[in-house]
Amino acid sequence: MITNDIYIEILMHLRSLKKTRKDVSLHDPIGTDKEGNEITLIDILGTEADDVVDKVQLKIEKSKIYRNLEILDDREKEVVVGRFGLELGGEERTQREIAKELGISRSYVSRIEKRALMKLLS
């Protein structure tokens, strides 16, 4: 849930961006997390259930993903296999669960997943 302070801060950031350029994207960087990973507006706006990747995930068949795993690097493959439950008898895991297993931030897992899905879609 977004608190009023965060909402105001986001609005102020969007207004400042609008003054310097015409288009504002949810993928614009707004800072870094404690691990130094870039944070974007989309990383903080939605809950995991509302994540854009989850919407894309519904449109992609698991079999297509499984057939094309070889085009991904090892980290991308590990994230996609975990997210879609592609290992034998595997269950789909959340970005937070995968982040904890890999020792990285959830937002970094999200970026890896998005990059991998873009590769799979192209």
PDB file of N, CA and C in Angstrom:
ATOM      1  N   MET A   1       0.836  -1.168   0.000  1.00  0.00           N
ATOM      2  CA  MET A   1       0.000   0.000   0.000  1.00  0.00           C
ATOM      3  C   MET A   1       0.892   1.247   0.000  1.00  0.00           C
ATOM      4  N   ILE A   2       0.535   2.203  -0.829  1.00  0.00           N
ATOM      5  CA  ILE A   2       1.316   3.424  -0.937  1.00  0.00           C
ATOM      6  C   ILE A   2       0.805   4.438   0.084  1.00  0.00           C
ATOM      7  N   THR A   3       1.713   4.917   0.929  1.00  0.00           N
ATOM      8  CA  THR A   3       1.320   5.923   1.898  1.00  0.00           C
ATOM      9  C   THR A   3       1.218   7.273   1.220  1.00  0.00           C
ATOM     10  N   ASN A   4       0.579   8.212   1.884  1.00  0.00           N
ATOM     11  CA  ASN A   4       0.395   9.545   1.327  1.00  0.00           C
ATOM     12  C   ASN A   4       1.742  10.213   1.045  1.00  0.00           C
ATOM     13  N   ASP A   5       2.728  10.042   1.927  1.00  0.00           N
ATOM     14  CA  ASP A   5       4.046  10.641   1.722  1.00  0.00           C
ATOM     15  C   ASP A   5       4.722  10.099   0.467  1.00  0.00           C
ATOM     16  N   ILE A   6       4.635   8.786   0.266  1.00  0.00           N
ATOM     17  CA  ILE A   6       5.236   8.179  -0.916  1.00  0.00           C
ATOM     18  C   ILE A   6       4.516   8.664  -2.170  1.00  0.00           C
ATOM     19  N   TYR A   7       3.184   8.744  -2.091  1.00  0.00           N
ATOM     20  CA  TYR A   7       2.391   9.222  -3.224  1.00  0.00           C
ATOM     21  C   TYR A   7       2.800  10.636  -3.610  1.00  0.00           C
ATOM     22  N   ILE A   8       2.957  11.498  -2.633  1.00  0.00           N
ATOM     23  CA  ILE A   8       3.361  12.884  -2.895  1.00  0.00           C
ATOM     24  C   ILE A   8       4.764  12.927  -3.491  1.00  0.00           C
ATOM     25  N   GLU A   9       5.667  12.109  -2.954  1.00  0.00           N
ATOM     26  CA  GLU A   9       7.035  12.066  -3.468  1.00  0.00           C
ATOM     27  C   GLU A   9       7.069  11.601  -4.924  1.00  0.00           C
ATOM     28  N   ILE A  10       6.248  10.614  -5.254  1.00  0.00           N
ATOM     29  CA  ILE A  10       6.174  10.131  -6.633  1.00  0.00           C
ATOM     30  C   ILE A  10       5.641  11.220  -7.553  1.00  0.00           C
ATOM     31  N   LEU A  11       4.587  11.897  -7.118  1.00  0.00           N
ATOM     32  CA  LEU A  11       4.035  12.987  -7.923  1.00  0.00           C
ATOM     33  C   LEU A  11       5.057  14.093  -8.152  1.00  0.00           C
ATOM     34  N   MET A  12       5.798  14.437  -7.108  1.00  0.00           N
ATOM     35  CA  MET A  12       6.823  15.474  -7.244  1.00  0.00           C
ATOM     36  C   MET A  12       7.898  15.024  -8.236  1.00  0.00           C
ATOM     37  N   HIS A  13       8.282  13.765  -8.158  1.00  0.00           N
ATOM     38  CA  HIS A  13       9.295  13.241  -9.077  1.00  0.00           C
ATOM     39  C   HIS A  13       8.791  13.299 -10.518  1.00  0.00           C
ATOM     40  N   LEU A  14       7.531  12.884 -10.728  1.00  0.00           N
ATOM     41  CA  LEU A  14       6.967  12.917 -12.075  1.00  0.00           C
ATOM     42  C   LEU A  14       6.894  14.342 -12.611  1.00  0.00           C
ATOM     43  N   ARG A  15       6.513  15.276 -11.761  1.00  0.00           N
ATOM     44  CA  ARG A  15       6.446  16.680 -12.195  1.00  0.00           C
ATOM     45  C   ARG A  15       7.820  17.221 -12.553  1.00  0.00           C
ATOM     46  N   SER A  16       8.834  16.849 -11.778  1.00  0.00           N
ATOM     47  CA  SER A  16      10.180  17.330 -12.092  1.00  0.00           C
ATOM     48  C   SER A  16      10.679  16.737 -13.408  1.00  0.00           C
ATOM     49  N   LEU A  17      10.328  15.475 -13.676  1.00  0.00           N
ATOM     50  CA  LEU A  17      10.710  14.848 -14.942  1.00  0.00           C
ATOM     51  C   LEU A  17       9.983  15.496 -16.115  1.00  0.00           C
ATOM     52  N   LYS A  18       8.727  15.847 -15.900  1.00  0.00           N
ATOM     53  CA  LYS A  18       7.934  16.433 -16.961  1.00  0.00           C
ATOM     54  C   LYS A  18       8.488  17.788 -17.396  1.00  0.00           C
ATOM     55  N   LYS A  19       9.115  18.502 -16.483  1.00  0.00           N
ATOM     56  CA  LYS A  19       9.696  19.800 -16.808  1.00  0.00           C
ATOM     57  C   LYS A  19      10.914  19.654 -17.710  1.00  0.00           C
ATOM     58  N   THR A  20      11.628  18.548 -17.584  1.00  0.00           N
ATOM     59  CA  THR A  20      12.859  18.382 -18.347  1.00  0.00           C
ATOM     60  C   THR A  20      12.673  17.585 -19.629  1.00  0.00           C
ATOM     61  N   ARG A  21      11.588  16.826 -19.732  1.00  0.00           N
ATOM     62  CA  ARG A  21      11.304  16.085 -20.959  1.00  0.00           C
ATOM     63  C   ARG A  21       9.812  15.835 -21.076  1.00  0.00           C
ATOM     64  N   LYS A  22       9.393  15.461 -22.256  1.00  0.00           N
ATOM     65  CA  LYS A  22       7.958  15.325 -22.513  1.00  0.00           C
ATOM     66  C   LYS A  22       7.364  14.017 -21.992  1.00  0.00           C
ATOM     67  N   ASP A  23       8.060  12.927 -22.160  1.00  0.00           N
ATOM     68  CA  ASP A  23       7.519  11.634 -21.769  1.00  0.00           C
ATOM     69  C   ASP A  23       8.122  11.158 -20.456  1.00  0.00           C
ATOM     70  N   VAL A  24       7.276  10.563 -19.623  1.00  0.00           N
ATOM     71  CA  VAL A  24       7.720   9.978 -18.367  1.00  0.00           C
ATOM     72  C   VAL A  24       7.364   8.502 -18.416  1.00  0.00           C
ATOM     73  N   SER A  25       8.332   7.662 -18.106  1.00  0.00           N
ATOM     74  CA  SER A  25       8.123   6.221 -18.160  1.00  0.00           C
ATOM     75  C   SER A  25       8.166   5.625 -16.762  1.00  0.00           C
ATOM     76  N   LEU A  26       7.405   4.569 -16.558  1.00  0.00           N
ATOM     77  CA  LEU A  26       7.448   3.854 -15.287  1.00  0.00           C
ATOM     78  C   LEU A  26       8.776   3.138 -15.106  1.00  0.00           C
ATOM     79  N   HIS A  27       9.550   3.047 -16.169  1.00  0.00           N
ATOM     80  CA  HIS A  27      10.851   2.393 -16.104  1.00  0.00           C
ATOM     81  C   HIS A  27      11.981   3.388 -15.881  1.00  0.00           C
ATOM     82  N   ASP A  28      11.654   4.674 -15.672  1.00  0.00           N
ATOM     83  CA  ASP A  28      12.676   5.685 -15.386  1.00  0.00           C
ATOM     84  C   ASP A  28      13.312   5.412 -14.030  1.00  0.00           C
ATOM     85  N   PRO A  29      14.620   5.503 -13.938  1.00  0.00           N
ATOM     86  CA  PRO A  29      15.281   5.293 -12.643  1.00  0.00           C
ATOM     87  C   PRO A  29      14.956   6.439 -11.675  1.00  0.00           C
ATOM     88  N   ILE A  30      14.733   6.069 -10.418  1.00  0.00           N
ATOM     89  CA  ILE A  30      14.469   7.096  -9.404  1.00  0.00           C
ATOM     90  C   ILE A  30      15.446   7.008  -8.237  1.00  0.00           C
ATOM     91  N   GLY A  31      16.350   6.062  -8.273  1.00  0.00           N
ATOM     92  CA  GLY A  31      17.331   5.913  -7.203  1.00  0.00           C
ATOM     93  C   GLY A  31      17.907   4.516  -7.212  1.00  0.00           C
ATOM     94  N   THR A  32      18.556   4.169  -6.100  1.00  0.00           N
ATOM     95  CA  THR A  32      19.130   2.830  -5.967  1.00  0.00           C
ATOM     96  C   THR A  32      18.730   2.242  -4.617  1.00  0.00           C
ATOM     97  N   ASP A  33      18.721   0.908  -4.552  1.00  0.00           N
ATOM     98  CA  ASP A  33      18.431   0.261  -3.278  1.00  0.00           C
ATOM     99  C   ASP A  33      19.728   0.117  -2.487  1.00  0.00           C
ATOM    100  N   LYS A  34      19.646  -0.520  -1.317  1.00  0.00           N
ATOM    101  CA  LYS A  34      20.823  -0.612  -0.444  1.00  0.00           C
ATOM    102  C   LYS A  34      21.951  -1.438  -1.052  1.00  0.00           C
ATOM    103  N   GLU A  35      21.614  -2.264  -2.063  1.00  0.00           N
ATOM    104  CA  GLU A  35      22.633  -3.069  -2.736  1.00  0.00           C
ATOM    105  C   GLU A  35      23.209  -2.371  -3.955  1.00  0.00           C
ATOM    106  N   GLY A  36      22.721  -1.153  -4.235  1.00  0.00           N
ATOM    107  CA  GLY A  36      23.213  -0.401  -5.376  1.00  0.00           C
ATOM    108  C   GLY A  36      22.487  -0.693  -6.673  1.00  0.00           C
ATOM    109  N   ASN A  37      21.436  -1.512  -6.616  1.00  0.00           N
ATOM    110  CA  ASN A  37      20.637  -1.803  -7.811  1.00  0.00           C
ATOM    111  C   ASN A  37      19.704  -0.635  -8.094  1.00  0.00           C
ATOM    112  N   GLU A  38      19.531  -0.320  -9.362  1.00  0.00           N
ATOM    113  CA  GLU A  38      18.678   0.779  -9.768  1.00  0.00           C
ATOM    114  C   GLU A  38      17.221   0.462  -9.451  1.00  0.00           C
ATOM    115  N   ILE A  39      16.488   1.455  -8.940  1.00  0.00           N
ATOM    116  CA  ILE A  39      15.068   1.307  -8.643  1.00  0.00           C
ATOM    117  C   ILE A  39      14.295   2.195  -9.608  1.00  0.00           C
ATOM    118  N   THR A  40      13.229   1.652 -10.179  1.00  0.00           N
ATOM    119  CA  THR A  40      12.381   2.410 -11.082  1.00  0.00           C
ATOM    120  C   THR A  40      11.015   2.620 -10.439  1.00  0.00           C
ATOM    121  N   LEU A  41      10.216   3.471 -11.057  1.00  0.00           N
ATOM    122  CA  LEU A  41       8.874   3.725 -10.530  1.00  0.00           C
ATOM    123  C   LEU A  41       8.044   2.453 -10.481  1.00  0.00           C
ATOM    124  N   ILE A  42       8.160   1.625 -11.492  1.00  0.00           N
ATOM    125  CA  ILE A  42       7.358   0.406 -11.533  1.00  0.00           C
ATOM    126  C   ILE A  42       7.731  -0.555 -10.405  1.00  0.00           C
ATOM    127  N   ASP A  43       8.976  -0.485  -9.950  1.00  0.00           N
ATOM    128  CA  ASP A  43       9.418  -1.351  -8.850  1.00  0.00           C
ATOM    129  C   ASP A  43       8.692  -1.024  -7.553  1.00  0.00           C
ATOM    130  N   ILE A  44       8.316   0.232  -7.366  1.00  0.00           N
ATOM    131  CA  ILE A  44       7.709   0.614  -6.090  1.00  0.00           C
ATOM    132  C   ILE A  44       6.213   0.850  -6.169  1.00  0.00           C
ATOM    133  N   LEU A  45       5.660   1.007  -7.361  1.00  0.00           N
ATOM    134  CA  LEU A  45       4.239   1.318  -7.473  1.00  0.00           C
ATOM    135  C   LEU A  45       3.325   0.136  -7.242  1.00  0.00           C
ATOM    136  N   GLY A  46       3.585  -0.986  -7.892  1.00  0.00           N
ATOM    137  CA  GLY A  46       2.659  -2.105  -7.815  1.00  0.00           C
ATOM    138  C   GLY A  46       3.063  -3.134  -6.800  1.00  0.00           C
ATOM    139  N   THR A  47       2.080  -3.925  -6.415  1.00  0.00           N
ATOM    140  CA  THR A  47       2.387  -5.087  -5.593  1.00  0.00           C
ATOM    141  C   THR A  47       2.813  -6.186  -6.544  1.00  0.00           C
ATOM    142  N   GLU A  48       3.328  -7.260  -6.028  1.00  0.00           N
ATOM    143  CA  GLU A  48       3.762  -8.337  -6.899  1.00  0.00           C
ATOM    144  C   GLU A  48       2.618  -8.854  -7.766  1.00  0.00           C
ATOM    145  N   ALA A  49       1.410  -8.876  -7.213  1.00  0.00           N
ATOM    146  CA  ALA A  49       0.271  -9.367  -7.987  1.00  0.00           C
ATOM    147  C   ALA A  49      -0.065  -8.435  -9.142  1.00  0.00           C
ATOM    148  N   ASP A  50       0.238  -7.159  -8.993  1.00  0.00           N
ATOM    149  CA  ASP A  50      -0.061  -6.181 -10.031  1.00  0.00           C
ATOM    150  C   ASP A  50       1.094  -5.958 -10.982  1.00  0.00           C
ATOM    151  N   ASP A  51       2.186  -6.640 -10.767  1.00  0.00           N
ATOM    152  CA  ASP A  51       3.392  -6.426 -11.560  1.00  0.00           C
ATOM    153  C   ASP A  51       3.120  -6.666 -13.037  1.00  0.00           C
ATOM    154  N   VAL A  52       3.699  -5.823 -13.873  1.00  0.00           N
ATOM    155  CA  VAL A  52       3.530  -5.937 -15.316  1.00  0.00           C
ATOM    156  C   VAL A  52       3.965  -7.304 -15.812  1.00  0.00           C
ATOM    157  N   VAL A  53       5.005  -7.829 -15.222  1.00  0.00           N
ATOM    158  CA  VAL A  53       5.497  -9.136 -15.653  1.00  0.00           C
ATOM    159  C   VAL A  53       4.433 -10.199 -15.438  1.00  0.00           C
ATOM    160  N   ASP A  54       3.652 -10.099 -14.373  1.00  0.00           N
ATOM    161  CA  ASP A  54       2.603 -11.075 -14.129  1.00  0.00           C
ATOM    162  C   ASP A  54       1.566 -11.048 -15.247  1.00  0.00           C
ATOM    163  N   LYS A  55       1.294  -9.866 -15.808  1.00  0.00           N
ATOM    164  CA  LYS A  55       0.345  -9.760 -16.913  1.00  0.00           C
ATOM    165  C   LYS A  55       0.926 -10.387 -18.172  1.00  0.00           C
ATOM    166  N   VAL A  56       2.203 -10.155 -18.413  1.00  0.00           N
ATOM    167  CA  VAL A  56       2.865 -10.770 -19.558  1.00  0.00           C
ATOM    168  C   VAL A  56       2.910 -12.280 -19.367  1.00  0.00           C
ATOM    169  N   GLN A  57       3.145 -12.685 -18.129  1.00  0.00           N
ATOM    170  CA  GLN A  57       3.261 -14.104 -17.792  1.00  0.00           C
ATOM    171  C   GLN A  57       2.007 -14.866 -18.210  1.00  0.00           C
ATOM    172  N   LEU A  58       0.842 -14.258 -18.076  1.00  0.00           N
ATOM    173  CA  LEU A  58      -0.402 -14.925 -18.429  1.00  0.00           C
ATOM    174  C   LEU A  58      -0.517 -15.169 -19.928  1.00  0.00           C
ATOM    175  N   LYS A  59       0.172 -14.358 -20.721  1.00  0.00           N
ATOM    176  CA  LYS A  59       0.059 -14.443 -22.170  1.00  0.00           C
ATOM    177  C   LYS A  59       1.056 -15.409 -22.791  1.00  0.00           C
ATOM    178  N   ILE A  60       2.017 -15.839 -22.040  1.00  0.00           N
ATOM    179  CA  ILE A  60       3.065 -16.703 -22.582  1.00  0.00           C
ATOM    180  C   ILE A  60       2.842 -18.127 -22.101  1.00  0.00           C
ATOM    181  N   GLU A  61       2.833 -19.055 -23.009  1.00  0.00           N
ATOM    182  CA  GLU A  61       2.653 -20.448 -22.635  1.00  0.00           C
ATOM    183  C   GLU A  61       3.945 -21.009 -22.058  1.00  0.00           C
ATOM    184  N   LYS A  62       3.788 -21.823 -21.029  1.00  0.00           N
ATOM    185  CA  LYS A  62       4.961 -22.434 -20.411  1.00  0.00           C
ATOM    186  C   LYS A  62       5.767 -23.257 -21.404  1.00  0.00           C
ATOM    187  N   SER A  63       5.088 -23.927 -22.306  1.00  0.00           N
ATOM    188  CA  SER A  63       5.818 -24.765 -23.265  1.00  0.00           C
ATOM    189  C   SER A  63       6.716 -23.926 -24.165  1.00  0.00           C
ATOM    190  N   LYS A  64       6.266 -22.746 -24.562  1.00  0.00           N
ATOM    191  CA  LYS A  64       7.089 -21.865 -25.397  1.00  0.00           C
ATOM    192  C   LYS A  64       8.326 -21.416 -24.619  1.00  0.00           C
ATOM    193  N   ILE A  65       8.127 -21.087 -23.366  1.00  0.00           N
ATOM    194  CA  ILE A  65       9.245 -20.668 -22.525  1.00  0.00           C
ATOM    195  C   ILE A  65      10.236 -21.816 -22.385  1.00  0.00           C
ATOM    196  N   TYR A  66       9.716 -22.994 -22.088  1.00  0.00           N
ATOM    197  CA  TYR A  66      10.577 -24.158 -21.880  1.00  0.00           C
ATOM    198  C   TYR A  66      11.389 -24.474 -23.128  1.00  0.00           C
ATOM    199  N   ARG A  67      10.756 -24.382 -24.302  1.00  0.00           N
ATOM    200  CA  ARG A  67      11.446 -24.676 -25.565  1.00  0.00           C
ATOM    201  C   ARG A  67      12.567 -23.695 -25.857  1.00  0.00           C
ATOM    202  N   ASN A  68      12.476 -22.479 -25.364  1.00  0.00           N
ATOM    203  CA  ASN A  68      13.443 -21.440 -25.713  1.00  0.00           C
ATOM    204  C   ASN A  68      14.406 -21.083 -24.582  1.00  0.00           C
ATOM    205  N   LEU A  69      14.477 -21.877 -23.557  1.00  0.00           N
ATOM    206  CA  LEU A  69      15.344 -21.571 -22.419  1.00  0.00           C
ATOM    207  C   LEU A  69      16.819 -21.448 -22.796  1.00  0.00           C
ATOM    208  N   GLU A  70      17.228 -22.133 -23.852  1.00  0.00           N
ATOM    209  CA  GLU A  70      18.651 -22.122 -24.211  1.00  0.00           C
ATOM    210  C   GLU A  70      19.141 -20.739 -24.645  1.00  0.00           C
ATOM    211  N   ILE A  71      18.253 -19.813 -24.989  1.00  0.00           N
ATOM    212  CA  ILE A  71      18.704 -18.473 -25.394  1.00  0.00           C
ATOM    213  C   ILE A  71      18.993 -17.580 -24.198  1.00  0.00           C
ATOM    214  N   LEU A  72      18.656 -18.044 -23.003  1.00  0.00           N
ATOM    215  CA  LEU A  72      18.862 -17.250 -21.791  1.00  0.00           C
ATOM    216  C   LEU A  72      20.212 -17.558 -21.157  1.00  0.00           C
ATOM    217  N   ASP A  73      20.779 -16.559 -20.460  1.00  0.00           N
ATOM    218  CA  ASP A  73      21.988 -16.850 -19.695  1.00  0.00           C
ATOM    219  C   ASP A  73      21.587 -17.603 -18.415  1.00  0.00           C
ATOM    220  N   ASP A  74      22.563 -18.076 -17.663  1.00  0.00           N
ATOM    221  CA  ASP A  74      22.284 -18.935 -16.504  1.00  0.00           C
ATOM    222  C   ASP A  74      21.384 -18.269 -15.472  1.00  0.00           C
ATOM    223  N   ARG A  75      21.650 -17.000 -15.143  1.00  0.00           N
ATOM    224  CA  ARG A  75      20.857 -16.294 -14.130  1.00  0.00           C
ATOM    225  C   ARG A  75      19.427 -16.099 -14.617  1.00  0.00           C
ATOM    226  N   GLU A  76      19.257 -15.713 -15.868  1.00  0.00           N
ATOM    227  CA  GLU A  76      17.915 -15.526 -16.427  1.00  0.00           C
ATOM    228  C   GLU A  76      17.145 -16.842 -16.416  1.00  0.00           C
ATOM    229  N   LYS A  77      17.831 -17.898 -16.798  1.00  0.00           N
ATOM    230  CA  LYS A  77      17.211 -19.226 -16.833  1.00  0.00           C
ATOM    231  C   LYS A  77      16.758 -19.638 -15.430  1.00  0.00           C
ATOM    232  N   GLU A  78      17.615 -19.411 -14.443  1.00  0.00           N
ATOM    233  CA  GLU A  78      17.296 -19.776 -13.063  1.00  0.00           C
ATOM    234  C   GLU A  78      16.055 -19.034 -12.567  1.00  0.00           C
ATOM    235  N   VAL A  79      15.971 -17.751 -12.894  1.00  0.00           N
ATOM    236  CA  VAL A  79      14.819 -16.944 -12.471  1.00  0.00           C
ATOM    237  C   VAL A  79      13.550 -17.397 -13.180  1.00  0.00           C
ATOM    238  N   VAL A  80      13.610 -17.580 -14.487  1.00  0.00           N
ATOM    239  CA  VAL A  80      12.421 -17.974 -15.253  1.00  0.00           C
ATOM    240  C   VAL A  80      11.937 -19.363 -14.848  1.00  0.00           C
ATOM    241  N   VAL A  81      12.857 -20.300 -14.684  1.00  0.00           N
ATOM    242  CA  VAL A  81      12.473 -21.653 -14.272  1.00  0.00           C
ATOM    243  C   VAL A  81      11.773 -21.610 -12.907  1.00  0.00           C
ATOM    244  N   GLY A  82      12.295 -20.808 -11.987  1.00  0.00           N
ATOM    245  CA  GLY A  82      11.666 -20.685 -10.678  1.00  0.00           C
ATOM    246  C   GLY A  82      10.316 -19.986 -10.719  1.00  0.00           C
ATOM    247  N   ARG A  83      10.231 -18.919 -11.491  1.00  0.00           N
ATOM    248  CA  ARG A  83       8.981 -18.157 -11.564  1.00  0.00           C
ATOM    249  C   ARG A  83       7.857 -18.963 -12.195  1.00  0.00           C
ATOM    250  N   PHE A  84       8.160 -19.738 -13.225  1.00  0.00           N
ATOM    251  CA  PHE A  84       7.136 -20.490 -13.941  1.00  0.00           C
ATOM    252  C   PHE A  84       7.014 -21.936 -13.473  1.00  0.00           C
ATOM    253  N   GLY A  85       7.838 -22.338 -12.511  1.00  0.00           N
ATOM    254  CA  GLY A  85       7.775 -23.703 -11.991  1.00  0.00           C
ATOM    255  C   GLY A  85       8.107 -24.746 -13.039  1.00  0.00           C
ATOM    256  N   LEU A  86       9.141 -24.485 -13.843  1.00  0.00           N
ATOM    257  CA  LEU A  86       9.471 -25.364 -14.960  1.00  0.00           C
ATOM    258  C   LEU A  86      10.321 -26.564 -14.578  1.00  0.00           C
ATOM    259  N   GLU A  87      10.860 -26.602 -13.360  1.00  0.00           N
ATOM    260  CA  GLU A  87      11.612 -27.783 -12.964  1.00  0.00           C
ATOM    261  C   GLU A  87      10.638 -28.920 -12.681  1.00  0.00           C
ATOM    262  N   LEU A  88      11.120 -30.140 -12.715  1.00  0.00           N
ATOM    263  CA  LEU A  88      10.281 -31.324 -12.541  1.00  0.00           C
ATOM    264  C   LEU A  88       9.474 -31.215 -11.250  1.00  0.00           C
ATOM    265  N   GLY A  89       8.167 -31.235 -11.385  1.00  0.00           N
ATOM    266  CA  GLY A  89       7.285 -31.141 -10.223  1.00  0.00           C
ATOM    267  C   GLY A  89       7.369 -29.812  -9.513  1.00  0.00           C
ATOM    268  N   GLY A  90       7.926 -28.822 -10.189  1.00  0.00           N
ATOM    269  CA  GLY A  90       8.135 -27.512  -9.569  1.00  0.00           C
ATOM    270  C   GLY A  90       6.871 -26.682  -9.460  1.00  0.00           C
ATOM    271  N   GLU A  91       6.883 -25.831  -8.470  1.00  0.00           N
ATOM    272  CA  GLU A  91       5.794 -24.884  -8.284  1.00  0.00           C
ATOM    273  C   GLU A  91       6.300 -23.497  -8.625  1.00  0.00           C
ATOM    274  N   GLU A  92       5.395 -22.657  -9.089  1.00  0.00           N
ATOM    275  CA  GLU A  92       5.762 -21.275  -9.361  1.00  0.00           C
ATOM    276  C   GLU A  92       6.129 -20.598  -8.046  1.00  0.00           C
ATOM    277  N   ARG A  93       7.222 -19.840  -8.075  1.00  0.00           N
ATOM    278  CA  ARG A  93       7.663 -19.128  -6.875  1.00  0.00           C
ATOM    279  C   ARG A  93       7.584 -17.632  -7.110  1.00  0.00           C
ATOM    280  N   THR A  94       7.468 -16.884  -6.035  1.00  0.00           N
ATOM    281  CA  THR A  94       7.395 -15.431  -6.134  1.00  0.00           C
ATOM    282  C   THR A  94       8.784 -14.857  -6.370  1.00  0.00           C
ATOM    283  N   GLN A  95       8.799 -13.610  -6.807  1.00  0.00           N
ATOM    284  CA  GLN A  95      10.077 -12.921  -6.985  1.00  0.00           C
ATOM    285  C   GLN A  95      10.809 -12.817  -5.654  1.00  0.00           C
ATOM    286  N   ARG A  96      10.077 -12.605  -4.578  1.00  0.00           N
ATOM    287  CA  ARG A  96      10.701 -12.506  -3.252  1.00  0.00           C
ATOM    288  C   ARG A  96      11.369 -13.823  -2.848  1.00  0.00           C
ATOM    289  N   GLU A  97      10.720 -14.938  -3.115  1.00  0.00           N
ATOM    290  CA  GLU A  97      11.294 -16.243  -2.787  1.00  0.00           C
ATOM    291  C   GLU A  97      12.578 -16.488  -3.583  1.00  0.00           C
ATOM    292  N   ILE A  98      12.541 -16.164  -4.856  1.00  0.00           N
ATOM    293  CA  ILE A  98      13.725 -16.349  -5.698  1.00  0.00           C
ATOM    294  C   ILE A  98      14.846 -15.418  -5.258  1.00  0.00           C
ATOM    295  N   ALA A  99      14.495 -14.183  -4.934  1.00  0.00           N
ATOM    296  CA  ALA A  99      15.495 -13.210  -4.470  1.00  0.00           C
ATOM    297  C   ALA A  99      16.199 -13.726  -3.219  1.00  0.00           C
ATOM    298  N   LYS A 100      15.426 -14.276  -2.301  1.00  0.00           N
ATOM    299  CA  LYS A 100      16.009 -14.800  -1.063  1.00  0.00           C
ATOM    300  C   LYS A 100      16.954 -15.965  -1.357  1.00  0.00           C
ATOM    301  N   GLU A 101      16.555 -16.857  -2.242  1.00  0.00           N
ATOM    302  CA  GLU A 101      17.398 -18.002  -2.614  1.00  0.00           C
ATOM    303  C   GLU A 101      18.704 -17.561  -3.263  1.00  0.00           C
ATOM    304  N   LEU A 102      18.626 -16.538  -4.121  1.00  0.00           N
ATOM    305  CA  LEU A 102      19.804 -16.102  -4.863  1.00  0.00           C
ATOM    306  C   LEU A 102      20.619 -15.038  -4.125  1.00  0.00           C
ATOM    307  N   GLY A 103      20.067 -14.528  -3.034  1.00  0.00           N
ATOM    308  CA  GLY A 103      20.776 -13.504  -2.266  1.00  0.00           C
ATOM    309  C   GLY A 103      20.834 -12.155  -2.968  1.00  0.00           C
ATOM    310  N   ILE A 104      19.775 -11.831  -3.722  1.00  0.00           N
ATOM    311  CA  ILE A 104      19.692 -10.539  -4.408  1.00  0.00           C
ATOM    312  C   ILE A 104      18.356  -9.892  -4.079  1.00  0.00           C
ATOM    313  N   SER A 105      18.174  -8.641  -4.492  1.00  0.00           N
ATOM    314  CA  SER A 105      16.923  -7.944  -4.175  1.00  0.00           C
ATOM    315  C   SER A 105      15.783  -8.405  -5.083  1.00  0.00           C
ATOM    316  N   ARG A 106      14.561  -8.227  -4.607  1.00  0.00           N
ATOM    317  CA  ARG A 106      13.388  -8.568  -5.400  1.00  0.00           C
ATOM    318  C   ARG A 106      13.329  -7.729  -6.676  1.00  0.00           C
ATOM    319  N   SER A 107      13.703  -6.459  -6.564  1.00  0.00           N
ATOM    320  CA  SER A 107      13.658  -5.602  -7.753  1.00  0.00           C
ATOM    321  C   SER A 107      14.662  -6.073  -8.809  1.00  0.00           C
ATOM    322  N   TYR A 108      15.797  -6.617  -8.366  1.00  0.00           N
ATOM    323  CA  TYR A 108      16.777  -7.144  -9.311  1.00  0.00           C
ATOM    324  C   TYR A 108      16.233  -8.404  -9.995  1.00  0.00           C
ATOM    325  N   VAL A 109      15.554  -9.255  -9.232  1.00  0.00           N
ATOM    326  CA  VAL A 109      14.912 -10.442  -9.813  1.00  0.00           C
ATOM    327  C   VAL A 109      13.884  -9.995 -10.851  1.00  0.00           C
ATOM    328  N   SER A 110      13.128  -8.955 -10.540  1.00  0.00           N
ATOM    329  CA  SER A 110      12.127  -8.436 -11.465  1.00  0.00           C
ATOM    330  C   SER A 110      12.772  -7.980 -12.770  1.00  0.00           C
ATOM    331  N   ARG A 111      13.888  -7.275 -12.666  1.00  0.00           N
ATOM    332  CA  ARG A 111      14.577  -6.800 -13.876  1.00  0.00           C
ATOM    333  C   ARG A 111      15.139  -7.962 -14.694  1.00  0.00           C
ATOM    334  N   ILE A 112      15.694  -8.966 -14.007  1.00  0.00           N
ATOM    335  CA  ILE A 112      16.210 -10.155 -14.705  1.00  0.00           C
ATOM    336  C   ILE A 112      15.065 -10.859 -15.426  1.00  0.00           C
ATOM    337  N   GLU A 113      13.946 -11.005 -14.736  1.00  0.00           N
ATOM    338  CA  GLU A 113      12.786 -11.674 -15.320  1.00  0.00           C
ATOM    339  C   GLU A 113      12.267 -10.914 -16.537  1.00  0.00           C
ATOM    340  N   LYS A 114      12.159  -9.619 -16.429  1.00  0.00           N
ATOM    341  CA  LYS A 114      11.688  -8.804 -17.554  1.00  0.00           C
ATOM    342  C   LYS A 114      12.620  -8.927 -18.749  1.00  0.00           C
ATOM    343  N   ARG A 115      13.925  -8.865 -18.499  1.00  0.00           N
ATOM    344  CA  ARG A 115      14.904  -8.997 -19.577  1.00  0.00           C
ATOM    345  C   ARG A 115      14.780 -10.371 -20.246  1.00  0.00           C
ATOM    346  N   ALA A 116      14.630 -11.411 -19.434  1.00  0.00           N
ATOM    347  CA  ALA A 116      14.514 -12.769 -19.972  1.00  0.00           C
ATOM    348  C   ALA A 116      13.228 -12.917 -20.790  1.00  0.00           C
ATOM    349  N   LEU A 117      12.137 -12.386 -20.302  1.00  0.00           N
ATOM    350  CA  LEU A 117      10.868 -12.491 -21.036  1.00  0.00           C
ATOM    351  C   LEU A 117      10.922 -11.725 -22.348  1.00  0.00           C
ATOM    352  N   MET A 118      11.616 -10.602 -22.358  1.00  0.00           N
ATOM    353  CA  MET A 118      11.777  -9.853 -23.603  1.00  0.00           C
ATOM    354  C   MET A 118      12.572 -10.674 -24.618  1.00  0.00           C
ATOM    355  N   LYS A 119      13.596 -11.383 -24.153  1.00  0.00           N
ATOM    356  CA  LYS A 119      14.360 -12.258 -25.039  1.00  0.00           C
ATOM    357  C   LYS A 119      13.469 -13.369 -25.595  1.00  0.00           C
ATOM    358  N   LEU A 120      12.644 -13.939 -24.728  1.00  0.00           N
ATOM    359  CA  LEU A 120      11.779 -15.044 -25.133  1.00  0.00           C
ATOM    360  C   LEU A 120      10.689 -14.585 -26.088  1.00  0.00           C
ATOM    361  N   LEU A 121      10.251 -13.340 -25.961  1.00  0.00           N
ATOM    362  CA  LEU A 121       9.196 -12.821 -26.806  1.00  0.00           C
ATOM    363  C   LEU A 121       9.677 -12.368 -28.172  1.00  0.00           C
ATOM    364  N   SER A 122      10.967 -12.068 -28.275  1.00  0.00           N
ATOM    365  CA  SER A 122      11.471 -11.542 -29.552  1.00  0.00           C
ATOM    366  C   SER A 122      11.807 -12.632 -30.535  1.00  0.00           C
TER     367      SER A 122
END
